[in-house]
Amino acid sequence: MRPLRAPRRQRGIALPVMLIMLTVMLVSSIYLLKSSTSTTMTTANLAYDSALGKSADAGLHAGFAYLRSVTNRADLLVNQPAQGYVATLTPTWTVSNAAFWIGAVTLPANPATGDQVQYVIHRMCTFPGAYNDVNNSCRTTSARPNSKASQPFGTSLALGAPKFLQQPQIHYVVTARINGARGGNVVTQAVVLKGP
């Protein structure tokens, strides 16, 4: 019969290796969970921002509809507070300036979300009155090629005077904003060209 050997002493290296591997897997899973949560939140915020932008477009459409409906061009020479129309635009104003929104119109609240859209229309002129007044400076663009004008424009012999073939089109800026319930704010703008 063989003599019994004493059992070999085990060193236990597998246990520390397994603990290290479990720790790495735990940290990785926490990182993946946090990453997927951040991605979900970012996606939700982008969708919310997109929805607010689409809601703000209602203000742009309302401003454009007003400009399109004006048949008496003299109405556009002065402010029309009930329509959200301002006959001037100070070049230093931005949408974050409170004076920019003086004369703005607030549309009825959306019944589904409760969001309210506000819009204002600015004529890009320094002063009220006629666009071609000597003291006034308005942003203008040449008329479209096939549009006829009641009188020619650009017949001035002054140095630096623009030479348009027809009456120019004046620039109007329609600005709409919405303040969302979750603190999101969206401002959209559109430039509309319309003859004098």
N, C-alpha and C. Protein backbone atom coordinates (compact mmCIF):
# COMPACT_ATOMS: atom_id res chain seq x y z
N MET A 1 0.81 -1.17 0.00
CA MET A 1 0.00 0.00 0.00
C MET A 1 0.87 1.25 0.00
N ARG A 2 0.33 2.19 -0.70
CA ARG A 2 1.09 3.43 -0.84
C ARG A 2 0.92 4.31 0.37
N PRO A 3 1.94 5.00 0.69
CA PRO A 3 1.78 5.93 1.80
C PRO A 3 0.95 7.13 1.38
N LEU A 4 0.13 7.64 2.21
CA LEU A 4 -0.71 8.81 1.91
C LEU A 4 0.15 10.07 1.94
N ARG A 5 -0.10 10.83 0.88
CA ARG A 5 0.62 12.10 0.84
C ARG A 5 -0.20 13.16 1.51
N ALA A 6 0.46 14.06 2.06
CA ALA A 6 -0.25 15.21 2.65
C ALA A 6 -0.79 16.07 1.52
N PRO A 7 -2.03 16.55 1.67
CA PRO A 7 -2.58 17.37 0.58
C PRO A 7 -1.72 18.63 0.38
N ARG A 8 -1.67 19.00 -0.94
CA ARG A 8 -0.87 20.18 -1.24
C ARG A 8 -1.57 21.42 -0.74
N ARG A 9 -0.80 22.30 -0.34
CA ARG A 9 -1.35 23.54 0.17
C ARG A 9 -1.83 24.40 -1.00
N GLN A 10 -3.09 24.86 -0.99
CA GLN A 10 -3.62 25.69 -2.07
C GLN A 10 -3.29 27.15 -1.80
N ARG A 11 -3.02 27.81 -2.87
CA ARG A 11 -2.60 29.21 -2.72
C ARG A 11 -3.77 30.17 -2.84
N GLY A 12 -4.88 29.87 -3.50
CA GLY A 12 -6.08 30.71 -3.59
C GLY A 12 -5.95 31.92 -4.52
N ILE A 13 -5.26 31.76 -5.63
CA ILE A 13 -5.08 32.87 -6.57
C ILE A 13 -6.34 33.12 -7.38
N ALA A 14 -7.20 32.12 -7.53
CA ALA A 14 -8.42 32.28 -8.34
C ALA A 14 -9.39 33.27 -7.71
N LEU A 15 -9.48 33.29 -6.42
CA LEU A 15 -10.42 34.19 -5.75
C LEU A 15 -10.11 35.67 -6.00
N PRO A 16 -8.88 36.14 -5.82
CA PRO A 16 -8.61 37.55 -6.12
C PRO A 16 -8.82 37.89 -7.59
N VAL A 17 -8.47 36.98 -8.51
CA VAL A 17 -8.68 37.24 -9.95
C VAL A 17 -10.17 37.38 -10.24
N MET A 18 -10.99 36.52 -9.67
CA MET A 18 -12.44 36.60 -9.89
C MET A 18 -13.02 37.89 -9.31
N LEU A 19 -12.54 38.28 -8.16
CA LEU A 19 -13.02 39.54 -7.55
C LEU A 19 -12.67 40.74 -8.43
N ILE A 20 -11.47 40.73 -8.99
CA ILE A 20 -11.07 41.83 -9.89
C ILE A 20 -11.94 41.83 -11.14
N MET A 21 -12.20 40.65 -11.72
CA MET A 21 -13.04 40.58 -12.92
C MET A 21 -14.47 41.02 -12.63
N LEU A 22 -15.01 40.64 -11.49
CA LEU A 22 -16.36 41.07 -11.11
C LEU A 22 -16.42 42.59 -10.92
N THR A 23 -15.36 43.16 -10.35
CA THR A 23 -15.33 44.61 -10.16
C THR A 23 -15.31 45.33 -11.51
N VAL A 24 -14.51 44.84 -12.45
CA VAL A 24 -14.45 45.43 -13.79
C VAL A 24 -15.80 45.32 -14.48
N MET A 25 -16.45 44.18 -14.37
CA MET A 25 -17.77 44.01 -14.98
C MET A 25 -18.80 44.92 -14.34
N LEU A 26 -18.75 45.12 -13.04
CA LEU A 26 -19.69 46.01 -12.35
C LEU A 26 -19.51 47.44 -12.80
N VAL A 27 -18.25 47.89 -12.88
CA VAL A 27 -17.98 49.26 -13.34
C VAL A 27 -18.43 49.44 -14.78
N SER A 28 -18.18 48.45 -15.63
CA SER A 28 -18.61 48.53 -17.03
C SER A 28 -20.12 48.61 -17.15
N SER A 29 -20.82 47.81 -16.38
CA SER A 29 -22.29 47.83 -16.46
C SER A 29 -22.84 49.16 -15.95
N ILE A 30 -22.24 49.73 -14.92
CA ILE A 30 -22.69 51.05 -14.44
C ILE A 30 -22.46 52.10 -15.51
N TYR A 31 -21.31 52.06 -16.18
CA TYR A 31 -21.02 53.01 -17.26
C TYR A 31 -22.02 52.86 -18.40
N LEU A 32 -22.30 51.62 -18.81
CA LEU A 32 -23.26 51.40 -19.90
C LEU A 32 -24.66 51.88 -19.52
N LEU A 33 -25.07 51.64 -18.29
CA LEU A 33 -26.37 52.10 -17.83
C LEU A 33 -26.44 53.62 -17.85
N LYS A 34 -25.38 54.26 -17.36
CA LYS A 34 -25.35 55.72 -17.34
C LYS A 34 -25.33 56.28 -18.76
N SER A 35 -24.59 55.65 -19.65
CA SER A 35 -24.51 56.09 -21.03
C SER A 35 -25.86 55.98 -21.73
N SER A 36 -26.55 54.85 -21.52
CA SER A 36 -27.86 54.69 -22.17
C SER A 36 -28.88 55.66 -21.60
N THR A 37 -28.78 55.97 -20.31
CA THR A 37 -29.69 56.95 -19.71
C THR A 37 -29.43 58.33 -20.28
N SER A 38 -28.15 58.70 -20.45
CA SER A 38 -27.81 60.00 -21.04
C SER A 38 -28.30 60.10 -22.47
N THR A 39 -28.15 59.02 -23.23
CA THR A 39 -28.61 59.00 -24.61
C THR A 39 -30.13 59.16 -24.67
N THR A 40 -30.83 58.48 -23.79
CA THR A 40 -32.29 58.58 -23.76
C THR A 40 -32.72 60.01 -23.41
N MET A 41 -32.05 60.61 -22.44
CA MET A 41 -32.40 61.98 -22.05
C MET A 41 -32.10 62.97 -23.17
N THR A 42 -30.98 62.79 -23.86
CA THR A 42 -30.63 63.66 -24.97
C THR A 42 -31.65 63.53 -26.09
N THR A 43 -32.05 62.33 -26.40
CA THR A 43 -33.05 62.10 -27.44
C THR A 43 -34.38 62.74 -27.06
N ALA A 44 -34.78 62.59 -25.81
CA ALA A 44 -36.03 63.19 -25.34
C ALA A 44 -35.96 64.71 -25.41
N ASN A 45 -34.82 65.29 -25.05
CA ASN A 45 -34.68 66.75 -25.11
C ASN A 45 -34.70 67.26 -26.55
N LEU A 46 -34.07 66.52 -27.46
CA LEU A 46 -34.10 66.92 -28.87
C LEU A 46 -35.52 66.84 -29.43
N ALA A 47 -36.25 65.81 -29.05
CA ALA A 47 -37.64 65.69 -29.51
C ALA A 47 -38.49 66.82 -28.95
N TYR A 48 -38.27 67.16 -27.69
CA TYR A 48 -39.01 68.26 -27.06
C TYR A 48 -38.69 69.58 -27.74
N ASP A 49 -37.41 69.81 -28.04
CA ASP A 49 -36.99 71.03 -28.71
C ASP A 49 -37.60 71.11 -30.11
N SER A 50 -37.64 69.98 -30.80
CA SER A 50 -38.25 69.94 -32.13
C SER A 50 -39.74 70.25 -32.07
N ALA A 51 -40.43 69.71 -31.06
CA ALA A 51 -41.86 69.98 -30.90
C ALA A 51 -42.11 71.46 -30.60
N LEU A 52 -41.26 72.05 -29.77
CA LEU A 52 -41.40 73.48 -29.49
C LEU A 52 -41.16 74.32 -30.74
N GLY A 53 -40.17 73.91 -31.53
CA GLY A 53 -39.89 74.63 -32.78
C GLY A 53 -41.07 74.59 -33.74
N LYS A 54 -41.72 73.43 -33.82
CA LYS A 54 -42.89 73.31 -34.69
C LYS A 54 -44.05 74.16 -34.17
N SER A 55 -44.18 74.23 -32.84
CA SER A 55 -45.23 75.06 -32.26
C SER A 55 -44.94 76.54 -32.51
N ALA A 56 -43.67 76.93 -32.44
CA ALA A 56 -43.30 78.33 -32.67
C ALA A 56 -43.56 78.74 -34.11
N ASP A 57 -43.55 77.79 -35.03
CA ASP A 57 -43.83 78.10 -36.43
C ASP A 57 -45.23 78.68 -36.62
N ALA A 58 -46.15 78.43 -35.69
CA ALA A 58 -47.49 79.01 -35.78
C ALA A 58 -47.40 80.54 -35.75
N GLY A 59 -46.46 81.07 -34.96
CA GLY A 59 -46.25 82.52 -34.92
C GLY A 59 -45.72 83.06 -36.23
N LEU A 60 -44.81 82.31 -36.86
CA LEU A 60 -44.29 82.73 -38.16
C LEU A 60 -45.40 82.76 -39.21
N HIS A 61 -46.25 81.74 -39.17
CA HIS A 61 -47.37 81.68 -40.13
C HIS A 61 -48.35 82.82 -39.91
N ALA A 62 -48.62 83.15 -38.65
CA ALA A 62 -49.55 84.25 -38.35
C ALA A 62 -48.98 85.58 -38.84
N GLY A 63 -47.69 85.81 -38.61
CA GLY A 63 -47.06 87.05 -39.08
C GLY A 63 -47.04 87.13 -40.59
N PHE A 64 -46.72 86.02 -41.25
CA PHE A 64 -46.71 86.00 -42.71
C PHE A 64 -48.12 86.23 -43.26
N ALA A 65 -49.11 85.62 -42.63
CA ALA A 65 -50.50 85.80 -43.09
C ALA A 65 -50.92 87.26 -42.99
N TYR A 66 -50.49 87.95 -41.91
CA TYR A 66 -50.83 89.37 -41.79
C TYR A 66 -50.17 90.17 -42.92
N LEU A 67 -48.89 89.96 -43.15
CA LEU A 67 -48.21 90.71 -44.22
C LEU A 67 -48.84 90.43 -45.58
N ARG A 68 -49.25 89.22 -45.79
CA ARG A 68 -49.87 88.86 -47.08
C ARG A 68 -51.25 89.49 -47.23
N SER A 69 -51.95 89.69 -46.12
CA SER A 69 -53.32 90.20 -46.19
C SER A 69 -53.39 91.72 -46.31
N VAL A 70 -52.30 92.42 -46.09
CA VAL A 70 -52.33 93.90 -46.14
C VAL A 70 -52.51 94.35 -47.58
N THR A 71 -53.61 95.05 -47.81
CA THR A 71 -53.86 95.58 -49.15
C THR A 71 -53.56 97.07 -49.22
N ASN A 72 -53.74 97.78 -48.12
CA ASN A 72 -53.42 99.21 -48.07
C ASN A 72 -51.98 99.34 -47.59
N ARG A 73 -51.07 99.62 -48.50
CA ARG A 73 -49.65 99.67 -48.16
C ARG A 73 -49.32 100.76 -47.14
N ALA A 74 -50.18 101.76 -47.01
CA ALA A 74 -49.94 102.82 -46.02
C ALA A 74 -50.00 102.26 -44.60
N ASP A 75 -50.69 101.14 -44.40
CA ASP A 75 -50.74 100.53 -43.07
C ASP A 75 -49.37 100.05 -42.59
N LEU A 76 -48.49 99.77 -43.54
CA LEU A 76 -47.17 99.27 -43.19
C LEU A 76 -46.16 100.38 -42.89
N LEU A 77 -46.59 101.64 -43.02
CA LEU A 77 -45.69 102.76 -42.74
C LEU A 77 -45.64 103.11 -41.26
N VAL A 78 -46.63 102.64 -40.50
CA VAL A 78 -46.70 102.95 -39.06
C VAL A 78 -46.95 101.66 -38.28
N ASN A 79 -46.73 101.72 -36.99
CA ASN A 79 -46.95 100.54 -36.14
C ASN A 79 -48.41 100.12 -36.15
N GLN A 80 -48.64 98.82 -36.09
CA GLN A 80 -49.98 98.23 -35.99
C GLN A 80 -49.95 97.29 -34.78
N PRO A 81 -50.09 97.82 -33.56
CA PRO A 81 -49.94 96.99 -32.36
C PRO A 81 -50.89 95.80 -32.29
N ALA A 82 -52.09 95.94 -32.79
CA ALA A 82 -53.05 94.83 -32.71
C ALA A 82 -52.61 93.65 -33.58
N GLN A 83 -51.79 93.92 -34.58
CA GLN A 83 -51.32 92.87 -35.48
C GLN A 83 -49.90 92.40 -35.17
N GLY A 84 -49.27 93.01 -34.15
CA GLY A 84 -47.89 92.65 -33.81
C GLY A 84 -46.89 93.22 -34.79
N TYR A 85 -47.25 94.35 -35.45
CA TYR A 85 -46.40 94.93 -36.49
C TYR A 85 -45.71 96.18 -35.96
N VAL A 86 -44.40 96.25 -36.15
CA VAL A 86 -43.61 97.41 -35.76
C VAL A 86 -42.91 97.90 -37.02
N ALA A 87 -43.05 99.18 -37.34
CA ALA A 87 -42.56 99.74 -38.60
C ALA A 87 -41.06 99.97 -38.61
N THR A 88 -40.36 99.73 -37.51
CA THR A 88 -38.92 99.95 -37.45
C THR A 88 -38.24 98.77 -36.77
N LEU A 89 -36.93 98.73 -36.92
CA LEU A 89 -36.12 97.75 -36.21
C LEU A 89 -34.78 98.39 -35.88
N THR A 90 -34.51 98.52 -34.60
CA THR A 90 -33.23 99.07 -34.18
C THR A 90 -32.16 98.00 -34.39
N PRO A 91 -31.10 98.30 -35.14
CA PRO A 91 -30.11 97.26 -35.48
C PRO A 91 -29.40 96.63 -34.29
N THR A 92 -29.34 97.33 -33.16
CA THR A 92 -28.62 96.78 -32.00
C THR A 92 -29.49 95.84 -31.16
N TRP A 93 -30.77 95.77 -31.43
CA TRP A 93 -31.64 94.90 -30.66
C TRP A 93 -31.43 93.45 -31.06
N THR A 94 -31.53 92.58 -30.06
CA THR A 94 -31.53 91.14 -30.30
C THR A 94 -32.80 90.57 -29.67
N VAL A 95 -33.07 89.31 -29.90
CA VAL A 95 -34.29 88.70 -29.36
C VAL A 95 -34.25 88.61 -27.84
N SER A 96 -33.08 88.74 -27.24
CA SER A 96 -33.00 88.70 -25.78
C SER A 96 -33.24 90.07 -25.15
N ASN A 97 -33.38 91.10 -25.97
CA ASN A 97 -33.66 92.45 -25.49
C ASN A 97 -35.17 92.60 -25.30
N ALA A 98 -35.59 93.08 -24.14
CA ALA A 98 -37.04 93.22 -23.86
C ALA A 98 -37.71 94.19 -24.83
N ALA A 99 -37.00 95.21 -25.28
CA ALA A 99 -37.58 96.19 -26.20
C ALA A 99 -37.91 95.56 -27.56
N PHE A 100 -37.22 94.51 -27.92
CA PHE A 100 -37.48 93.83 -29.18
C PHE A 100 -38.92 93.31 -29.24
N TRP A 101 -39.46 92.91 -28.10
CA TRP A 101 -40.78 92.28 -28.05
C TRP A 101 -41.91 93.24 -27.76
N ILE A 102 -41.62 94.55 -27.69
CA ILE A 102 -42.70 95.54 -27.50
C ILE A 102 -43.58 95.53 -28.75
N GLY A 103 -44.86 95.37 -28.56
CA GLY A 103 -45.79 95.30 -29.68
C GLY A 103 -46.07 93.88 -30.15
N ALA A 104 -45.51 92.88 -29.47
CA ALA A 104 -45.73 91.49 -29.88
C ALA A 104 -47.15 91.04 -29.55
N VAL A 105 -47.62 90.06 -30.30
CA VAL A 105 -48.95 89.48 -30.10
C VAL A 105 -48.77 88.07 -29.57
N THR A 106 -49.58 87.71 -28.57
CA THR A 106 -49.55 86.35 -28.01
C THR A 106 -50.74 85.58 -28.56
N LEU A 107 -50.46 84.45 -29.18
CA LEU A 107 -51.52 83.60 -29.72
C LEU A 107 -52.19 82.83 -28.59
N PRO A 108 -53.42 82.37 -28.78
CA PRO A 108 -54.07 81.55 -27.75
C PRO A 108 -53.25 80.31 -27.42
N ALA A 109 -53.34 79.89 -26.16
CA ALA A 109 -52.55 78.74 -25.70
C ALA A 109 -52.99 77.46 -26.39
N ASN A 110 -52.04 76.59 -26.63
CA ASN A 110 -52.32 75.27 -27.19
C ASN A 110 -53.07 74.46 -26.12
N PRO A 111 -54.28 73.99 -26.41
CA PRO A 111 -55.04 73.28 -25.38
C PRO A 111 -54.38 71.98 -24.91
N ALA A 112 -53.60 71.35 -25.77
CA ALA A 112 -52.98 70.07 -25.38
C ALA A 112 -51.77 70.28 -24.46
N THR A 113 -50.96 71.31 -24.74
CA THR A 113 -49.73 71.49 -23.98
C THR A 113 -49.74 72.72 -23.08
N GLY A 114 -50.60 73.68 -23.39
CA GLY A 114 -50.64 74.92 -22.60
C GLY A 114 -49.57 75.92 -23.02
N ASP A 115 -48.78 75.59 -24.05
CA ASP A 115 -47.73 76.49 -24.52
C ASP A 115 -48.34 77.68 -25.26
N GLN A 116 -47.74 78.83 -25.08
CA GLN A 116 -48.19 80.04 -25.77
C GLN A 116 -47.09 80.56 -26.68
N VAL A 117 -47.46 80.91 -27.89
CA VAL A 117 -46.54 81.43 -28.89
C VAL A 117 -46.74 82.93 -28.98
N GLN A 118 -45.64 83.63 -29.07
CA GLN A 118 -45.67 85.09 -29.21
C GLN A 118 -44.90 85.45 -30.47
N TYR A 119 -45.43 86.42 -31.24
CA TYR A 119 -44.71 86.83 -32.46
C TYR A 119 -44.75 88.34 -32.61
N VAL A 120 -43.77 88.85 -33.34
CA VAL A 120 -43.69 90.27 -33.67
C VAL A 120 -43.11 90.39 -35.08
N ILE A 121 -43.59 91.39 -35.81
CA ILE A 121 -43.11 91.63 -37.17
C ILE A 121 -42.39 92.98 -37.17
N HIS A 122 -41.16 93.01 -37.64
CA HIS A 122 -40.41 94.25 -37.75
C HIS A 122 -40.13 94.56 -39.22
N ARG A 123 -40.40 95.79 -39.61
CA ARG A 123 -39.96 96.27 -40.92
C ARG A 123 -38.52 96.73 -40.73
N MET A 124 -37.64 96.31 -41.58
CA MET A 124 -36.22 96.61 -41.39
C MET A 124 -35.90 98.01 -41.91
N CYS A 125 -36.46 99.00 -41.20
CA CYS A 125 -36.23 100.41 -41.52
C CYS A 125 -35.82 101.14 -40.24
N THR A 126 -35.08 102.22 -40.42
CA THR A 126 -34.64 102.99 -39.26
C THR A 126 -35.78 103.81 -38.66
N PHE A 127 -36.66 104.33 -39.50
CA PHE A 127 -37.76 105.19 -39.04
C PHE A 127 -39.07 104.75 -39.68
N PRO A 128 -40.21 105.11 -39.05
CA PRO A 128 -41.50 104.88 -39.72
C PRO A 128 -41.61 105.79 -40.94
N GLY A 129 -42.55 105.51 -41.78
CA GLY A 129 -42.77 106.34 -42.96
C GLY A 129 -42.32 105.62 -44.22
N ALA A 130 -42.26 106.39 -45.30
CA ALA A 130 -41.93 105.82 -46.61
C ALA A 130 -40.50 105.27 -46.62
N TYR A 131 -40.32 104.17 -47.34
CA TYR A 131 -39.00 103.54 -47.40
C TYR A 131 -37.98 104.41 -48.11
N ASN A 132 -38.46 105.24 -49.07
CA ASN A 132 -37.55 106.05 -49.86
C ASN A 132 -37.44 107.48 -49.36
N ASP A 133 -37.89 107.72 -48.13
CA ASP A 133 -37.71 109.04 -47.53
C ASP A 133 -36.22 109.30 -47.37
N VAL A 134 -35.83 110.58 -47.51
CA VAL A 134 -34.41 110.94 -47.47
C VAL A 134 -33.76 110.53 -46.16
N ASN A 135 -34.47 110.66 -45.04
CA ASN A 135 -33.90 110.34 -43.73
C ASN A 135 -34.02 108.87 -43.35
N ASN A 136 -34.81 108.12 -44.08
CA ASN A 136 -35.06 106.73 -43.72
C ASN A 136 -34.05 105.81 -44.41
N SER A 137 -33.72 104.74 -43.75
CA SER A 137 -32.83 103.73 -44.31
C SER A 137 -33.49 102.37 -44.11
N CYS A 138 -33.85 101.75 -45.21
CA CYS A 138 -34.53 100.46 -45.16
C CYS A 138 -33.70 99.41 -45.88
N ARG A 139 -33.78 98.18 -45.40
CA ARG A 139 -33.11 97.06 -46.08
C ARG A 139 -34.01 96.65 -47.23
N THR A 140 -33.48 96.74 -48.44
CA THR A 140 -34.28 96.42 -49.63
C THR A 140 -33.52 95.45 -50.53
N THR A 141 -34.29 94.78 -51.37
CA THR A 141 -33.75 93.84 -52.35
C THR A 141 -34.43 94.11 -53.67
N SER A 142 -33.72 93.87 -54.73
CA SER A 142 -34.29 94.05 -56.06
C SER A 142 -35.51 93.16 -56.22
N ALA A 143 -36.49 93.67 -56.96
CA ALA A 143 -37.72 92.90 -57.19
C ALA A 143 -37.41 91.65 -58.00
N ARG A 144 -38.30 90.69 -57.93
CA ARG A 144 -38.14 89.47 -58.73
C ARG A 144 -38.18 89.83 -60.21
N PRO A 145 -37.50 89.07 -61.06
CA PRO A 145 -37.36 89.44 -62.47
C PRO A 145 -38.66 89.73 -63.20
N ASN A 146 -39.70 88.97 -63.05
CA ASN A 146 -40.90 89.17 -63.86
C ASN A 146 -41.99 89.94 -63.15
N SER A 147 -41.68 90.62 -62.04
CA SER A 147 -42.71 91.39 -61.35
C SER A 147 -42.68 92.83 -61.84
N LYS A 148 -43.81 93.34 -62.20
CA LYS A 148 -43.93 94.71 -62.71
C LYS A 148 -44.18 95.67 -61.56
N ALA A 149 -43.68 96.87 -61.68
CA ALA A 149 -43.87 97.89 -60.67
C ALA A 149 -44.67 99.04 -61.26
N SER A 150 -45.39 99.74 -60.39
CA SER A 150 -46.21 100.86 -60.88
C SER A 150 -45.34 102.04 -61.29
N GLN A 151 -44.15 102.14 -60.75
CA GLN A 151 -43.23 103.20 -61.13
C GLN A 151 -41.81 102.69 -61.05
N PRO A 152 -40.93 103.19 -61.89
CA PRO A 152 -39.56 102.69 -61.84
C PRO A 152 -38.85 103.19 -60.58
N PHE A 153 -37.92 102.42 -60.12
CA PHE A 153 -37.14 102.79 -58.93
C PHE A 153 -35.67 102.83 -59.32
N GLY A 154 -34.93 103.70 -58.68
CA GLY A 154 -33.50 103.77 -58.95
C GLY A 154 -33.14 104.84 -59.94
N THR A 155 -34.00 105.81 -60.12
CA THR A 155 -33.70 106.88 -61.07
C THR A 155 -32.90 108.00 -60.42
N SER A 156 -32.56 107.86 -59.15
CA SER A 156 -31.78 108.87 -58.45
C SER A 156 -30.38 108.95 -59.04
N LEU A 157 -29.85 110.18 -59.13
CA LEU A 157 -28.49 110.37 -59.61
C LEU A 157 -27.51 110.52 -58.45
N ALA A 158 -27.97 110.32 -57.22
CA ALA A 158 -27.11 110.46 -56.06
C ALA A 158 -26.05 109.36 -56.06
N LEU A 159 -24.86 109.71 -55.61
CA LEU A 159 -23.80 108.71 -55.52
C LEU A 159 -24.19 107.63 -54.51
N GLY A 160 -23.96 106.41 -54.86
CA GLY A 160 -24.24 105.30 -53.95
C GLY A 160 -25.69 104.89 -53.91
N ALA A 161 -26.57 105.55 -54.69
CA ALA A 161 -27.99 105.18 -54.68
C ALA A 161 -28.16 103.84 -55.40
N PRO A 162 -28.99 102.94 -54.87
CA PRO A 162 -29.19 101.66 -55.56
C PRO A 162 -29.93 101.85 -56.87
N LYS A 163 -29.61 101.03 -57.84
CA LYS A 163 -30.22 101.12 -59.16
C LYS A 163 -31.04 99.85 -59.41
N PHE A 164 -32.27 99.83 -58.93
CA PHE A 164 -33.16 98.70 -59.16
C PHE A 164 -33.94 98.95 -60.43
N LEU A 165 -34.23 97.90 -61.18
CA LEU A 165 -35.01 98.05 -62.39
C LEU A 165 -36.48 98.28 -62.07
N GLN A 166 -36.98 97.66 -61.04
CA GLN A 166 -38.35 97.87 -60.62
C GLN A 166 -38.33 98.36 -59.18
N GLN A 167 -39.53 98.52 -58.61
CA GLN A 167 -39.59 98.87 -57.20
C GLN A 167 -38.92 97.78 -56.39
N PRO A 168 -38.22 98.16 -55.32
CA PRO A 168 -37.55 97.12 -54.52
C PRO A 168 -38.54 96.40 -53.61
N GLN A 169 -38.08 95.34 -53.03
CA GLN A 169 -38.85 94.65 -52.01
C GLN A 169 -38.22 94.97 -50.67
N ILE A 170 -39.07 95.34 -49.71
CA ILE A 170 -38.59 95.69 -48.38
C ILE A 170 -38.54 94.43 -47.54
N HIS A 171 -37.55 94.36 -46.67
CA HIS A 171 -37.39 93.20 -45.79
C HIS A 171 -38.21 93.38 -44.51
N TYR A 172 -38.93 92.35 -44.15
CA TYR A 172 -39.68 92.28 -42.89
C TYR A 172 -39.20 91.03 -42.15
N VAL A 173 -38.95 91.16 -40.87
CA VAL A 173 -38.51 90.03 -40.07
C VAL A 173 -39.65 89.62 -39.16
N VAL A 174 -40.10 88.38 -39.29
CA VAL A 174 -41.13 87.82 -38.41
C VAL A 174 -40.40 86.95 -37.39
N THR A 175 -40.57 87.27 -36.11
CA THR A 175 -39.89 86.53 -35.05
C THR A 175 -40.94 85.93 -34.13
N ALA A 176 -40.81 84.65 -33.85
CA ALA A 176 -41.74 83.96 -32.95
C ALA A 176 -40.95 83.28 -31.85
N ARG A 177 -41.53 83.24 -30.66
CA ARG A 177 -40.89 82.54 -29.54
C ARG A 177 -41.93 81.78 -28.74
N ILE A 178 -41.43 80.75 -28.07
CA ILE A 178 -42.29 79.94 -27.21
C ILE A 178 -41.47 79.56 -25.98
N ASN A 179 -42.08 79.64 -24.83
CA ASN A 179 -41.45 79.21 -23.58
C ASN A 179 -42.14 77.93 -23.15
N GLY A 180 -41.42 76.84 -23.21
CA GLY A 180 -42.00 75.54 -22.89
C GLY A 180 -42.15 75.34 -21.39
N ALA A 181 -42.98 74.38 -21.04
CA ALA A 181 -43.28 74.10 -19.64
C ALA A 181 -42.07 73.55 -18.89
N ARG A 182 -41.17 72.88 -19.60
CA ARG A 182 -40.00 72.29 -18.95
C ARG A 182 -38.79 73.21 -19.00
N GLY A 183 -39.01 74.49 -19.28
CA GLY A 183 -37.92 75.44 -19.30
C GLY A 183 -37.26 75.61 -20.66
N GLY A 184 -37.73 74.92 -21.67
CA GLY A 184 -37.17 75.07 -23.00
C GLY A 184 -37.70 76.33 -23.66
N ASN A 185 -36.83 77.07 -24.31
CA ASN A 185 -37.21 78.28 -25.03
C ASN A 185 -36.74 78.16 -26.47
N VAL A 186 -37.63 78.45 -27.41
CA VAL A 186 -37.28 78.38 -28.82
C VAL A 186 -37.67 79.69 -29.48
N VAL A 187 -36.75 80.25 -30.27
CA VAL A 187 -37.02 81.46 -31.04
C VAL A 187 -36.75 81.12 -32.50
N THR A 188 -37.71 81.44 -33.37
CA THR A 188 -37.53 81.22 -34.80
C THR A 188 -37.79 82.53 -35.53
N GLN A 189 -37.13 82.70 -36.66
CA GLN A 189 -37.30 83.91 -37.44
C GLN A 189 -37.44 83.56 -38.92
N ALA A 190 -38.14 84.44 -39.63
CA ALA A 190 -38.24 84.32 -41.07
C ALA A 190 -38.19 85.73 -41.65
N VAL A 191 -37.52 85.86 -42.78
CA VAL A 191 -37.45 87.13 -43.48
C VAL A 191 -38.44 87.06 -44.63
N VAL A 192 -39.31 88.06 -44.71
CA VAL A 192 -40.32 88.14 -45.76
C VAL A 192 -40.02 89.37 -46.59
N LEU A 193 -40.05 89.22 -47.91
CA LEU A 193 -39.83 90.35 -48.82
C LEU A 193 -41.17 90.75 -49.41
N LYS A 194 -41.43 92.05 -49.37
CA LYS A 194 -42.73 92.55 -49.87
C LYS A 194 -42.48 93.91 -50.47
N GLY A 195 -43.09 94.18 -51.60
CA GLY A 195 -42.92 95.48 -52.25
C GLY A 195 -43.60 96.58 -51.46
N PRO A 196 -43.14 97.82 -51.66
CA PRO A 196 -43.71 98.96 -50.90
C PRO A 196 -45.14 99.29 -51.29
